[in-house]
Amino acid sequence: MSNHALIRCNVGRVVKQLVSTPATVPSWTFLTNHAHVLVCIAQNPEVRLAEIARQVGIGERAVHAIVQDLVDAGYVLRARSGRHNVYEVQLDRPLRHPLEAGHQVAEIFGPLTTSPE
C-alpha cells in the first residue's frame, strides 16, 4: 500500500471517529439517563436511537431499554412511519417519584424541550 493510500485511509478513520464520538458527559448530572432520553425525544420526535445514544453518552442498547421503559409506562408513544419510529412524549403524565407526586412531566421537561427565543 502506498503512503498516499495509507494517509487517505487513516484520514477516513479519523473523520468517522470524530462524527460518531459520544457527547462529553460530566461525572454526574442532575437528570437521569431516562430524563435525557425523554428530552431528546421531545426535542426531535423522529430522532434515531443511535443519535440519542451519541447525545446522551450511553450505548444504543441502553437507549433501547430506556425507550421501552418510557413506552411501557405511558410517557412516550411510539408509532411506525415507513422504516423508522416516530415518538410522542406525553407531557401531561405525572412524575413517578413520591417526592414529585402531584407534578407533571411538563413542569420539568417543558422548558427543556422548547427552543430559546
Protein backbone atom coordinates (compact mmCIF):
# COMPACT_ATOMS: atom_id res chain seq x y z
CA MET A 1 0.00 0.00 0.00
CA SER A 2 1.39 3.43 -0.90
CA ASN A 3 1.83 6.18 1.70
CA HIS A 4 -0.83 8.20 -0.10
CA ALA A 5 -3.38 5.35 0.24
CA LEU A 6 -2.42 4.85 3.89
CA ILE A 7 -2.92 8.54 4.68
CA ARG A 8 -6.27 8.62 2.89
CA CYS A 9 -7.39 5.53 4.80
CA ASN A 10 -6.29 6.98 8.14
CA VAL A 11 -7.98 10.30 7.47
CA GLY A 12 -11.22 8.46 6.72
CA ARG A 13 -10.99 6.66 10.04
CA VAL A 14 -10.36 9.87 11.95
CA VAL A 15 -13.35 11.56 10.33
CA LYS A 16 -15.56 8.59 11.14
CA GLN A 17 -14.35 8.59 14.74
CA LEU A 18 -15.00 12.31 15.12
CA VAL A 19 -18.52 12.03 13.73
CA SER A 20 -19.51 9.10 15.93
CA THR A 21 -17.81 10.30 19.13
CA PRO A 22 -20.32 10.41 22.00
CA ALA A 23 -21.05 13.64 23.80
CA THR A 24 -18.71 14.52 26.65
CA VAL A 25 -20.67 13.85 29.82
CA PRO A 26 -19.68 15.12 33.30
CA SER A 27 -19.15 12.56 36.07
CA TRP A 28 -22.67 13.34 37.40
CA THR A 29 -25.70 15.31 36.26
CA PHE A 30 -28.97 16.47 37.80
CA LEU A 31 -31.06 14.38 35.40
CA THR A 32 -31.08 10.61 34.88
CA ASN A 33 -30.44 8.89 31.57
CA HIS A 34 -34.21 8.33 31.34
CA ALA A 35 -34.69 12.09 31.57
CA HIS A 36 -32.01 12.77 28.97
CA VAL A 37 -33.59 10.30 26.55
CA LEU A 38 -37.00 11.88 27.13
CA VAL A 39 -35.57 15.34 26.36
CA CYS A 40 -34.00 14.06 23.12
CA ILE A 41 -37.30 12.54 22.01
CA ALA A 42 -39.30 15.63 22.95
CA GLN A 43 -36.91 17.86 21.00
CA ASN A 44 -36.99 15.63 17.91
CA PRO A 45 -39.81 13.05 17.66
CA GLU A 46 -38.12 11.39 14.65
CA VAL A 47 -34.72 11.03 16.33
CA ARG A 48 -32.88 7.73 15.79
CA LEU A 49 -31.77 5.69 18.81
CA ALA A 50 -28.15 5.93 17.66
CA GLU A 51 -28.35 9.72 17.76
CA ILE A 52 -29.90 9.64 21.25
CA ALA A 53 -27.07 7.35 22.38
CA ARG A 54 -24.49 9.79 20.99
CA GLN A 55 -26.14 12.83 22.59
CA VAL A 56 -26.66 11.23 26.00
CA GLY A 57 -23.31 9.42 26.02
CA ILE A 58 -24.66 5.89 26.55
CA GLY A 59 -24.93 2.78 24.38
CA GLU A 60 -27.69 2.07 21.89
CA ARG A 61 -28.86 -0.94 23.88
CA ALA A 62 -29.26 1.24 26.96
CA VAL A 63 -31.26 3.76 24.91
CA HIS A 64 -33.46 0.98 23.55
CA ALA A 65 -34.17 -0.28 27.08
CA ILE A 66 -34.92 3.24 28.34
CA VAL A 67 -37.26 3.97 25.43
CA GLN A 68 -39.04 0.68 26.12
CA ASP A 69 -39.39 1.66 29.81
CA LEU A 70 -40.85 5.03 28.80
CA VAL A 71 -43.26 3.42 26.30
CA ASP A 72 -44.35 0.73 28.79
CA ALA A 73 -45.03 3.38 31.46
CA GLY A 74 -47.04 5.56 29.05
CA TYR A 75 -44.62 8.51 28.96
CA VAL A 76 -43.82 8.01 25.27
CA LEU A 77 -45.99 6.83 22.40
CA ARG A 78 -44.21 5.05 19.54
CA ALA A 79 -45.55 4.72 16.00
CA ARG A 80 -44.02 3.40 12.80
CA SER A 81 -43.50 5.81 9.93
CA GLY A 82 -42.11 3.92 6.98
CA ARG A 83 -38.91 2.24 8.11
CA HIS A 84 -38.41 4.17 11.34
CA ASN A 85 -40.21 5.10 14.54
CA VAL A 86 -41.78 8.42 15.45
CA TYR A 87 -42.26 9.24 19.11
CA GLU A 88 -44.57 11.48 21.09
CA VAL A 89 -43.87 12.50 24.69
CA GLN A 90 -46.90 12.61 26.97
CA LEU A 91 -46.15 15.78 28.92
CA ASP A 92 -49.37 15.53 30.94
CA ARG A 93 -48.21 12.37 32.77
CA PRO A 94 -47.35 12.58 36.48
CA LEU A 95 -43.76 12.38 37.69
CA ARG A 96 -43.00 8.98 39.19
CA HIS A 97 -41.21 9.56 42.50
CA PRO A 98 -43.25 10.26 45.66
CA LEU A 99 -41.26 13.48 46.22
CA GLU A 100 -42.66 14.85 42.95
CA ALA A 101 -46.17 13.45 43.34
CA GLY A 102 -48.74 15.94 42.11
CA HIS A 103 -46.44 17.38 39.43
CA GLN A 104 -46.48 16.64 35.71
CA VAL A 105 -43.70 15.87 33.28
CA ALA A 106 -44.36 19.19 31.50
CA GLU A 107 -43.28 21.15 34.57
CA ILE A 108 -39.75 19.77 34.32
CA PHE A 109 -39.42 18.94 30.64
CA GLY A 110 -41.44 21.75 29.08
CA PRO A 111 -38.63 24.32 29.47
CA LEU A 112 -36.02 21.76 28.31
CA THR A 113 -37.86 20.88 25.11
CA THR A 114 -38.64 24.35 23.76
CA SER A 115 -36.23 26.42 21.69
CA PRO A 116 -34.88 29.51 23.45
CA GLU A 117 -36.16 32.67 21.80
